[in-house]
C-alpha atoms as a PDB file:
ATOM      1  CA  MET A   1     153.375  22.053  80.608  1.00  0.00           C
ATOM      2  CA  PHE A   2     150.289  19.952  81.391  1.00  0.00           C
ATOM      3  CA  ILE A   3     150.803  20.354  85.138  1.00  0.00           C
ATOM      4  CA  TYR A   4     151.053  24.149  84.798  1.00  0.00           C
ATOM      5  CA  VAL A   5     147.804  24.328  82.814  1.00  0.00           C
ATOM      6  CA  ILE A   6     145.866  22.032  85.155  1.00  0.00           C
ATOM      7  CA  THR A   7     147.097  23.940  88.221  1.00  0.00           C
ATOM      8  CA  PHE A   8     146.206  27.264  86.628  1.00  0.00           C
ATOM      9  CA  LEU A   9     142.705  26.061  85.779  1.00  0.00           C
ATOM     10  CA  LEU A  10     142.160  24.644  89.259  1.00  0.00           C
ATOM     11  CA  VAL A  11     143.348  27.796  91.001  1.00  0.00           C
ATOM     12  CA  LEU A  12     141.076  30.000  88.903  1.00  0.00           C
ATOM     13  CA  ARG A  13     138.199  27.558  89.495  1.00  0.00           C
ATOM     14  CA  ILE A  14     137.642  27.159  85.751  1.00  0.00           C
ATOM     15  CA  ILE A  15     137.483  23.420  86.266  1.00  0.00           C
ATOM     16  CA  GLN A  16     136.263  21.834  89.458  1.00  0.00           C
ATOM     17  CA  ILE A  17     136.685  18.272  90.581  1.00  0.00           C
ATOM     18  CA  PRO A  18     134.066  17.196  93.111  1.00  0.00           C
ATOM     19  CA  TYR A  19     135.139  15.777  96.495  1.00  0.00           C
ATOM     20  CA  ILE A  20     138.719  16.953  96.044  1.00  0.00           C
ATOM     21  CA  ASP A  21     139.697  19.792  98.304  1.00  0.00           C
ATOM     22  CA  TYR A  22     142.978  21.615  98.093  1.00  0.00           C
ATOM     23  CA  ARG A  23     145.002  18.422  98.326  1.00  0.00           C
ATOM     24  CA  LEU A  24     145.230  18.073  94.554  1.00  0.00           C
ATOM     25  CA  GLU A  25     146.362  21.674  94.193  1.00  0.00           C
ATOM     26  CA  ALA A  26     148.951  21.149  96.921  1.00  0.00           C
ATOM     27  CA  CYS A  27     150.334  18.096  95.133  1.00  0.00           C
ATOM     28  CA  LEU A  28     150.429  19.941  91.811  1.00  0.00           C
ATOM     29  CA  PHE A  29     152.230  22.884  93.396  1.00  0.00           C
ATOM     30  CA  ALA A  30     154.730  20.454  94.950  1.00  0.00           C
ATOM     31  CA  ILE A  31     155.402  18.978  91.510  1.00  0.00           C
ATOM     32  CA  ILE A  32     155.885  22.458  90.059  1.00  0.00           C
ATOM     33  CA  ILE A  33     158.278  23.477  92.858  1.00  0.00           C
ATOM     34  CA  LEU A  34     160.311  20.287  92.455  1.00  0.00           C
ATOM     35  CA  ASN A  35     160.445  20.874  88.718  1.00  0.00           C
ATOM     36  CA  LEU A  36     161.636  24.450  89.172  1.00  0.00           C
ATOM     37  CA  ALA A  37     164.253  23.395  91.710  1.00  0.00           C
ATOM     38  CA  SER A  38     165.717  20.455  89.826  1.00  0.00           C
ATOM     39  CA  ASN A  39     165.112  21.000  86.117  1.00  0.00           C
ATOM     40  CA  PRO A  40     167.428  23.543  84.460  1.00  0.00           C
ATOM     41  CA  ASN A  41     165.296  23.445  81.285  1.00  0.00           C
ATOM     42  CA  SER A  42     162.024  24.340  83.002  1.00  0.00           C
ATOM     43  CA  ILE A  43     159.486  26.585  81.296  1.00  0.00           C
ATOM     44  CA  ILE A  44     159.727  29.158  84.089  1.00  0.00           C
ATOM     45  CA  ASN A  45     163.172  30.492  84.976  1.00  0.00           C
ATOM     46  CA  LEU A  46     163.659  31.924  88.462  1.00  0.00           C
ATOM     47  CA  GLU A  47     167.377  32.646  88.211  1.00  0.00           C
ATOM     48  CA  PHE A  48     167.965  36.384  88.476  1.00  0.00           C
ATOM     49  CA  LYS A  49     171.131  37.919  89.930  1.00  0.00           C
ATOM     50  CA  ILE A  50     169.229  40.539  91.921  1.00  0.00           C
ATOM     51  CA  LEU A  51     166.853  37.962  93.430  1.00  0.00           C
ATOM     52  CA  ASN A  52     169.763  35.666  94.306  1.00  0.00           C
ATOM     53  CA  TYR A  53     171.514  38.528  96.081  1.00  0.00           C
ATOM     54  CA  LEU A  54     168.354  39.578  97.943  1.00  0.00           C
ATOM     55  CA  GLY A  55     167.769  35.965  98.946  1.00  0.00           C
ATOM     56  CA  LYS A  56     171.228  35.685 100.453  1.00  0.00           C
ATOM     57  CA  VAL A  57     170.846  38.971 102.329  1.00  0.00           C
ATOM     58  CA  SER A  58     167.347  38.212 103.621  1.00  0.00           C
ATOM     59  CA  TYR A  59     168.365  34.722 104.739  1.00  0.00           C
ATOM     60  CA  GLY A  60     171.259  36.224 106.658  1.00  0.00           C
ATOM     61  CA  LEU A  61     168.869  38.617 108.398  1.00  0.00           C
ATOM     62  CA  TYR A  62     166.523  35.731 109.123  1.00  0.00           C
ATOM     63  CA  MET A  63     169.316  33.854 110.864  1.00  0.00           C
ATOM     64  CA  TYR A  64     169.894  36.787 113.235  1.00  0.00           C
ATOM     65  CA  HIS A  65     166.273  37.630 114.006  1.00  0.00           C
ATOM     66  CA  SER A  66     165.944  35.058 116.805  1.00  0.00           C
ATOM     67  CA  ILE A  67     168.901  36.661 118.575  1.00  0.00           C
ATOM     68  CA  ALA A  68     167.231  40.073 118.225  1.00  0.00           C
ATOM     69  CA  ILE A  69     163.948  38.721 119.619  1.00  0.00           C
ATOM     70  CA  ILE A  70     165.646  37.158 122.643  1.00  0.00           C
ATOM     71  CA  LEU A  71     167.681  40.312 123.232  1.00  0.00           C
ATOM     72  CA  THR A  72     164.534  42.458 123.031  1.00  0.00           C
ATOM     73  CA  ILE A  73     162.685  40.244 125.500  1.00  0.00           C
ATOM     74  CA  LYS A  74     165.601  40.274 127.943  1.00  0.00           C
ATOM     75  CA  LEU A  75     165.941  44.066 127.690  1.00  0.00           C
ATOM     76  CA  SER A  76     162.207  44.616 128.163  1.00  0.00           C
ATOM     77  CA  ILE A  77     162.247  42.417 131.273  1.00  0.00           C
ATOM     78  CA  TYR A  78     165.331  44.217 132.605  1.00  0.00           C
ATOM     79  CA  PHE A  79     163.812  47.675 132.072  1.00  0.00           C
ATOM     80  CA  SER A  80     160.315  46.504 133.166  1.00  0.00           C
ATOM     81  CA  ILE A  81     158.666  47.511 129.923  1.00  0.00           C
END
């Protein structure tokens, strides 16, 4: 809970720590992401059936997009576009 509060305050610039750029925020966000990924009893729950389904579908599309890019480049070269 402490990490969430500190990160929230830093992002909104309510508290400022001199001579510390965005490195502290990056580390705090990394801790939050690791907590969300590994702790089933986290404060924030990101497990939703619809989001899981959309994630699987969008990842599948992502895997095919490089093939579509290469195919588009080859076709544009072939047709001199």
